[in-house]
Amino acid sequence: SLPLDLYPIGMATDLTFYGVSSAFGGYI
């Protein structure tokens, strides 16, 4: 989905979204 220069920040965003949503998901 992303150009090579944006891959690290893209992966970081991916992990962040999954982590935050998992934390909210457990509470919900």
PDB file of all heavy atoms in Angstrom:
ATOM      1  N   SER A   1       0.796  -1.226   0.000  1.00  0.00           N
ATOM      2  CA  SER A   1       0.000   0.000   0.000  1.00  0.00           C
ATOM      3  C   SER A   1       0.828   1.276   0.000  1.00  0.00           C
ATOM      4  O   SER A   1       0.345   2.326  -0.439  1.00  0.00           O
ATOM      5  CB  SER A   1      -0.928   0.024   1.223  1.00  0.00           C
ATOM      6  OG  SER A   1      -1.761  -1.116   1.260  1.00  0.00           O
ATOM      7  N   LEU A   2       2.056   1.212   0.519  1.00  0.00           N
ATOM      8  CA  LEU A   2       2.858   2.424   0.706  1.00  0.00           C
ATOM      9  C   LEU A   2       4.161   2.364  -0.072  1.00  0.00           C
ATOM     10  O   LEU A   2       4.690   1.276  -0.317  1.00  0.00           O
ATOM     11  CB  LEU A   2       3.178   2.609   2.199  1.00  0.00           C
ATOM     12  CG  LEU A   2       1.994   2.784   3.153  1.00  0.00           C
ATOM     13  CD1 LEU A   2       2.492   2.863   4.589  1.00  0.00           C
ATOM     14  CD2 LEU A   2       1.193   4.024   2.805  1.00  0.00           C
ATOM     15  N   PRO A   3       4.719   3.527  -0.430  1.00  0.00           N
ATOM     16  CA  PRO A   3       6.063   3.546  -1.018  1.00  0.00           C
ATOM     17  C   PRO A   3       7.095   3.125   0.014  1.00  0.00           C
ATOM     18  O   PRO A   3       6.842   3.164   1.224  1.00  0.00           O
ATOM     19  CB  PRO A   3       6.246   5.013  -1.433  1.00  0.00           C
ATOM     20  CG  PRO A   3       5.256   5.779  -0.618  1.00  0.00           C
ATOM     21  CD  PRO A   3       4.107   4.868  -0.388  1.00  0.00           C
ATOM     22  N   LEU A   4       8.267   2.735  -0.446  1.00  0.00           N
ATOM     23  CA  LEU A   4       9.286   2.156   0.428  1.00  0.00           C
ATOM     24  C   LEU A   4       9.694   3.088   1.551  1.00  0.00           C
ATOM     25  O   LEU A   4       9.918   2.652   2.684  1.00  0.00           O
ATOM     26  CB  LEU A   4      10.513   1.769  -0.409  1.00  0.00           C
ATOM     27  CG  LEU A   4      11.656   1.053   0.331  1.00  0.00           C
ATOM     28  CD1 LEU A   4      11.145  -0.241   0.950  1.00  0.00           C
ATOM     29  CD2 LEU A   4      12.801   0.766  -0.625  1.00  0.00           C
ATOM     30  N   ASP A   5       9.794   4.397   1.285  1.00  0.00           N
ATOM     31  CA  ASP A   5      10.259   5.323   2.312  1.00  0.00           C
ATOM     32  C   ASP A   5       9.250   5.495   3.451  1.00  0.00           C
ATOM     33  O   ASP A   5       9.614   5.928   4.541  1.00  0.00           O
ATOM     34  CB  ASP A   5      10.586   6.687   1.688  1.00  0.00           C
ATOM     35  CG  ASP A   5       9.362   7.302   1.008  1.00  0.00           C
ATOM     36  OD1 ASP A   5       8.595   6.547   0.379  1.00  0.00           O
ATOM     37  OD2 ASP A   5       9.180   8.529   1.099  1.00  0.00           O
ATOM     38  N   LEU A   6       7.983   5.142   3.213  1.00  0.00           N
ATOM     39  CA  LEU A   6       6.958   5.254   4.249  1.00  0.00           C
ATOM     40  C   LEU A   6       6.678   3.921   4.938  1.00  0.00           C
ATOM     41  O   LEU A   6       5.815   3.854   5.830  1.00  0.00           O
ATOM     42  CB  LEU A   6       5.655   5.795   3.645  1.00  0.00           C
ATOM     43  CG  LEU A   6       5.680   7.231   3.116  1.00  0.00           C
ATOM     44  CD1 LEU A   6       4.328   7.598   2.522  1.00  0.00           C
ATOM     45  CD2 LEU A   6       6.051   8.209   4.228  1.00  0.00           C
ATOM     46  N   TYR A   7       7.385   2.865   4.545  1.00  0.00           N
ATOM     47  CA  TYR A   7       7.104   1.540   5.118  1.00  0.00           C
ATOM     48  C   TYR A   7       7.324   1.494   6.639  1.00  0.00           C
ATOM     49  O   TYR A   7       6.460   0.977   7.364  1.00  0.00           O
ATOM     50  CB  TYR A   7       7.945   0.469   4.428  1.00  0.00           C
ATOM     51  CG  TYR A   7       7.749  -0.911   5.015  1.00  0.00           C
ATOM     52  CD1 TYR A   7       6.625  -1.665   4.717  1.00  0.00           C
ATOM     53  CD2 TYR A   7       8.682  -1.455   5.903  1.00  0.00           C
ATOM     54  CE1 TYR A   7       6.425  -2.921   5.272  1.00  0.00           C
ATOM     55  CE2 TYR A   7       8.501  -2.707   6.461  1.00  0.00           C
ATOM     56  CZ  TYR A   7       7.366  -3.443   6.141  1.00  0.00           C
ATOM     57  OH  TYR A   7       7.187  -4.669   6.704  1.00  0.00           O
ATOM     58  N   PRO A   8       8.460   2.017   7.185  1.00  0.00           N
ATOM     59  CA  PRO A   8       8.637   1.943   8.651  1.00  0.00           C
ATOM     60  C   PRO A   8       7.524   2.643   9.429  1.00  0.00           C
ATOM     61  O   PRO A   8       6.995   2.090  10.391  1.00  0.00           O
ATOM     62  CB  PRO A   8       9.999   2.627   8.860  1.00  0.00           C
ATOM     63  CG  PRO A   8      10.719   2.454   7.571  1.00  0.00           C
ATOM     64  CD  PRO A   8       9.649   2.571   6.527  1.00  0.00           C
ATOM     65  N   ILE A   9       7.154   3.863   9.023  1.00  0.00           N
ATOM     66  CA  ILE A   9       6.093   4.577   9.741  1.00  0.00           C
ATOM     67  C   ILE A   9       4.752   3.888   9.529  1.00  0.00           C
ATOM     68  O   ILE A   9       3.889   3.886  10.412  1.00  0.00           O
ATOM     69  CB  ILE A   9       6.040   6.057   9.299  1.00  0.00           C
ATOM     70  CG1 ILE A   9       5.117   6.857  10.225  1.00  0.00           C
ATOM     71  CG2 ILE A   9       5.567   6.195   7.863  1.00  0.00           C
ATOM     72  CD1 ILE A   9       5.639   7.023  11.609  1.00  0.00           C
ATOM     73  N   GLY A  10       4.573   3.255   8.383  1.00  0.00           N
ATOM     74  CA  GLY A  10       3.348   2.496   8.144  1.00  0.00           C
ATOM     75  C   GLY A  10       3.225   1.295   9.060  1.00  0.00           C
ATOM     76  O   GLY A  10       2.155   1.024   9.624  1.00  0.00           O
ATOM     77  N   MET A  11       4.337   0.566   9.245  1.00  0.00           N
ATOM     78  CA  MET A  11       4.330  -0.597  10.145  1.00  0.00           C
ATOM     79  C   MET A  11       4.105  -0.164  11.583  1.00  0.00           C
ATOM     80  O   MET A  11       3.400  -0.822  12.355  1.00  0.00           O
ATOM     81  CB  MET A  11       5.674  -1.328  10.048  1.00  0.00           C
ATOM     82  CG  MET A  11       5.777  -2.593   9.255  1.00  0.00           C
ATOM     83  SD  MET A  11       4.357  -3.604   8.919  1.00  0.00           S
ATOM     84  CE  MET A  11       3.911  -4.258  10.485  1.00  0.00           C
ATOM     85  N   ALA A  12       4.731   0.970  11.957  1.00  0.00           N
ATOM     86  CA  ALA A  12       4.548   1.494  13.311  1.00  0.00           C
ATOM     87  C   ALA A  12       3.083   1.860  13.557  1.00  0.00           C
ATOM     88  O   ALA A  12       2.526   1.572  14.617  1.00  0.00           O
ATOM     89  CB  ALA A  12       5.441   2.722  13.519  1.00  0.00           C
ATOM     90  N   THR A  13       2.451   2.477  12.569  1.00  0.00           N
ATOM     91  CA  THR A  13       1.039   2.838  12.686  1.00  0.00           C
ATOM     92  C   THR A  13       0.158   1.595  12.765  1.00  0.00           C
ATOM     93  O   THR A  13      -0.815   1.548  13.530  1.00  0.00           O
ATOM     94  CB  THR A  13       0.615   3.699  11.485  1.00  0.00           C
ATOM     95  OG1 THR A  13       1.485   4.830  11.380  1.00  0.00           O
ATOM     96  CG2 THR A  13      -0.821   4.189  11.633  1.00  0.00           C
ATOM     97  N   ASP A  14       0.495   0.574  11.999  1.00  0.00           N
ATOM     98  CA  ASP A  14      -0.244  -0.690  12.008  1.00  0.00           C
ATOM     99  C   ASP A  14      -0.235  -1.300  13.411  1.00  0.00           C
ATOM    100  O   ASP A  14      -1.287  -1.664  13.968  1.00  0.00           O
ATOM    101  CB  ASP A  14       0.382  -1.646  10.985  1.00  0.00           C
ATOM    102  CG  ASP A  14      -0.264  -3.021  10.991  1.00  0.00           C
ATOM    103  OD1 ASP A  14      -1.388  -3.151  11.508  1.00  0.00           O
ATOM    104  OD2 ASP A  14       0.358  -3.965  10.473  1.00  0.00           O
ATOM    105  N   LEU A  15       0.956  -1.417  14.002  1.00  0.00           N
ATOM    106  CA  LEU A  15       1.074  -2.000  15.336  1.00  0.00           C
ATOM    107  C   LEU A  15       0.347  -1.153  16.371  1.00  0.00           C
ATOM    108  O   LEU A  15      -0.280  -1.678  17.301  1.00  0.00           O
ATOM    109  CB  LEU A  15       2.554  -2.145  15.712  1.00  0.00           C
ATOM    110  CG  LEU A  15       3.364  -3.156  14.891  1.00  0.00           C
ATOM    111  CD1 LEU A  15       4.833  -3.101  15.271  1.00  0.00           C
ATOM    112  CD2 LEU A  15       2.825  -4.565  15.081  1.00  0.00           C
ATOM    113  N   THR A  16       0.425   0.174  16.224  1.00  0.00           N
ATOM    114  CA  THR A  16      -0.245   1.073  17.182  1.00  0.00           C
ATOM    115  C   THR A  16      -1.756   0.912  17.118  1.00  0.00           C
ATOM    116  O   THR A  16      -2.427   0.809  18.157  1.00  0.00           O
ATOM    117  CB  THR A  16       0.144   2.534  16.898  1.00  0.00           C
ATOM    118  OG1 THR A  16       1.559   2.684  17.058  1.00  0.00           O
ATOM    119  CG2 THR A  16      -0.571   3.481  17.854  1.00  0.00           C
ATOM    120  N   PHE A  17      -2.309   0.883  15.923  1.00  0.00           N
ATOM    121  CA  PHE A  17      -3.757   0.721  15.768  1.00  0.00           C
ATOM    122  C   PHE A  17      -4.217  -0.605  16.379  1.00  0.00           C
ATOM    123  O   PHE A  17      -5.242  -0.667  17.069  1.00  0.00           O
ATOM    124  CB  PHE A  17      -4.133   0.786  14.289  1.00  0.00           C
ATOM    125  CG  PHE A  17      -4.586   2.134  13.839  1.00  0.00           C
ATOM    126  CD1 PHE A  17      -3.729   3.218  13.894  1.00  0.00           C
ATOM    127  CD2 PHE A  17      -5.872   2.342  13.358  1.00  0.00           C
ATOM    128  CE1 PHE A  17      -4.134   4.474  13.489  1.00  0.00           C
ATOM    129  CE2 PHE A  17      -6.299   3.595  12.955  1.00  0.00           C
ATOM    130  CZ  PHE A  17      -5.421   4.674  13.021  1.00  0.00           C
ATOM    131  N   TYR A  18      -3.454  -1.665  16.124  1.00  0.00           N
ATOM    132  CA  TYR A  18      -3.850  -2.976  16.642  1.00  0.00           C
ATOM    133  C   TYR A  18      -3.761  -3.009  18.169  1.00  0.00           C
ATOM    134  O   TYR A  18      -4.643  -3.552  18.842  1.00  0.00           O
ATOM    135  CB  TYR A  18      -2.974  -4.066  16.043  1.00  0.00           C
ATOM    136  CG  TYR A  18      -3.394  -5.459  16.438  1.00  0.00           C
ATOM    137  CD1 TYR A  18      -4.533  -6.045  15.896  1.00  0.00           C
ATOM    138  CD2 TYR A  18      -2.677  -6.179  17.389  1.00  0.00           C
ATOM    139  CE1 TYR A  18      -4.941  -7.315  16.273  1.00  0.00           C
ATOM    140  CE2 TYR A  18      -3.076  -7.453  17.775  1.00  0.00           C
ATOM    141  CZ  TYR A  18      -4.214  -8.015  17.214  1.00  0.00           C
ATOM    142  OH  TYR A  18      -4.606  -9.252  17.602  1.00  0.00           O
ATOM    143  N   GLY A  19      -2.702  -2.410  18.716  1.00  0.00           N
ATOM    144  CA  GLY A  19      -2.541  -2.405  20.163  1.00  0.00           C
ATOM    145  C   GLY A  19      -3.621  -1.607  20.874  1.00  0.00           C
ATOM    146  O   GLY A  19      -4.210  -2.064  21.858  1.00  0.00           O
ATOM    147  N   VAL A  20      -3.904  -0.399  20.370  1.00  0.00           N
ATOM    148  CA  VAL A  20      -4.925   0.451  20.994  1.00  0.00           C
ATOM    149  C   VAL A  20      -6.310  -0.194  20.881  1.00  0.00           C
ATOM    150  O   VAL A  20      -7.081  -0.221  21.848  1.00  0.00           O
ATOM    151  CB  VAL A  20      -4.926   1.844  20.336  1.00  0.00           C
ATOM    152  CG1 VAL A  20      -6.105   2.676  20.829  1.00  0.00           C
ATOM    153  CG2 VAL A  20      -3.612   2.567  20.643  1.00  0.00           C
ATOM    154  N   SER A  21      -6.615  -0.726  19.705  1.00  0.00           N
ATOM    155  CA  SER A  21      -7.937  -1.334  19.520  1.00  0.00           C
ATOM    156  C   SER A  21      -8.092  -2.591  20.369  1.00  0.00           C
ATOM    157  O   SER A  21      -9.186  -2.872  20.868  1.00  0.00           O
ATOM    158  CB  SER A  21      -8.160  -1.670  18.038  1.00  0.00           C
ATOM    159  OG  SER A  21      -7.218  -2.623  17.576  1.00  0.00           O
ATOM    160  N   SER A  22      -7.007  -3.350  20.552  1.00  0.00           N
ATOM    161  CA  SER A  22      -7.072  -4.544  21.407  1.00  0.00           C
ATOM    162  C   SER A  22      -7.372  -4.163  22.854  1.00  0.00           C
ATOM    163  O   SER A  22      -8.137  -4.839  23.546  1.00  0.00           O
ATOM    164  CB  SER A  22      -5.757  -5.328  21.334  1.00  0.00           C
ATOM    165  OG  SER A  22      -5.542  -5.830  20.039  1.00  0.00           O
ATOM    166  N   ALA A  23      -6.740  -3.068  23.305  1.00  0.00           N
ATOM    167  CA  ALA A  23      -6.981  -2.618  24.681  1.00  0.00           C
ATOM    168  C   ALA A  23      -8.436  -2.194  24.857  1.00  0.00           C
ATOM    169  O   ALA A  23      -9.091  -2.553  25.842  1.00  0.00           O
ATOM    170  CB  ALA A  23      -6.039  -1.465  25.017  1.00  0.00           C
ATOM    171  N   PHE A  24      -8.966  -1.437  23.902  1.00  0.00           N
ATOM    172  CA  PHE A  24     -10.367  -1.024  23.968  1.00  0.00           C
ATOM    173  C   PHE A  24     -11.301  -2.224  23.832  1.00  0.00           C
ATOM    174  O   PHE A  24     -12.349  -2.292  24.485  1.00  0.00           O
ATOM    175  CB  PHE A  24     -10.677  -0.016  22.856  1.00  0.00           C
ATOM    176  CG  PHE A  24     -10.311   1.390  23.212  1.00  0.00           C
ATOM    177  CD1 PHE A  24      -9.258   2.022  22.571  1.00  0.00           C
ATOM    178  CD2 PHE A  24     -11.005   2.082  24.191  1.00  0.00           C
ATOM    179  CE1 PHE A  24      -8.910   3.322  22.899  1.00  0.00           C
ATOM    180  CE2 PHE A  24     -10.667   3.386  24.528  1.00  0.00           C
ATOM    181  CZ  PHE A  24      -9.611   4.009  23.875  1.00  0.00           C
ATOM    182  N   GLY A  25     -10.902  -3.173  22.963  1.00  0.00           N
ATOM    183  CA  GLY A  25     -11.756  -4.332  22.718  1.00  0.00           C
ATOM    184  C   GLY A  25     -11.988  -5.168  23.958  1.00  0.00           C
ATOM    185  O   GLY A  25     -13.097  -5.659  24.195  1.00  0.00           O
ATOM    186  N   GLY A  26     -10.928  -5.352  24.755  1.00  0.00           N
ATOM    187  CA  GLY A  26     -11.084  -6.117  25.985  1.00  0.00           C
ATOM    188  C   GLY A  26     -12.073  -5.477  26.940  1.00  0.00           C
ATOM    189  O   GLY A  26     -12.910  -6.151  27.557  1.00  0.00           O
ATOM    190  N   TYR A  27     -12.014  -4.153  27.047  1.00  0.00           N
ATOM    191  CA  TYR A  27     -12.947  -3.434  27.923  1.00  0.00           C
ATOM    192  C   TYR A  27     -14.375  -3.523  27.391  1.00  0.00           C
ATOM    193  O   TYR A  27     -15.326  -3.755  28.146  1.00  0.00           O
ATOM    194  CB  TYR A  27     -12.519  -1.974  28.049  1.00  0.00           C
ATOM    195  CG  TYR A  27     -13.509  -1.126  28.806  1.00  0.00           C
ATOM    196  CD1 TYR A  27     -13.568  -1.163  30.202  1.00  0.00           C
ATOM    197  CD2 TYR A  27     -14.405  -0.297  28.129  1.00  0.00           C
ATOM    198  CE1 TYR A  27     -14.481  -0.393  30.896  1.00  0.00           C
ATOM    199  CE2 TYR A  27     -15.319   0.477  28.817  1.00  0.00           C
ATOM    200  CZ  TYR A  27     -15.354   0.428  30.206  1.00  0.00           C
ATOM    201  OH  TYR A  27     -16.265   1.189  30.887  1.00  0.00           O
ATOM    202  N   ILE A  28     -14.535  -3.336  26.079  1.00  0.00           N
ATOM    203  CA  ILE A  28     -15.877  -3.365  25.477  1.00  0.00           C
ATOM    204  C   ILE A  28     -16.501  -4.761  25.608  1.00  0.00           C
ATOM    205  O   ILE A  28     -17.688  -4.900  25.895  1.00  0.00           O
ATOM    206  CB  ILE A  28     -15.803  -2.944  23.998  1.00  0.00           C
ATOM    207  CG1 ILE A  28     -15.426  -1.464  23.901  1.00  0.00           C
ATOM    208  CG2 ILE A  28     -17.134  -3.186  23.283  1.00  0.00           C
ATOM    209  CD1 ILE A  28     -15.163  -0.991  22.492  1.00  0.00           C
TER     210      ILE A  28
END
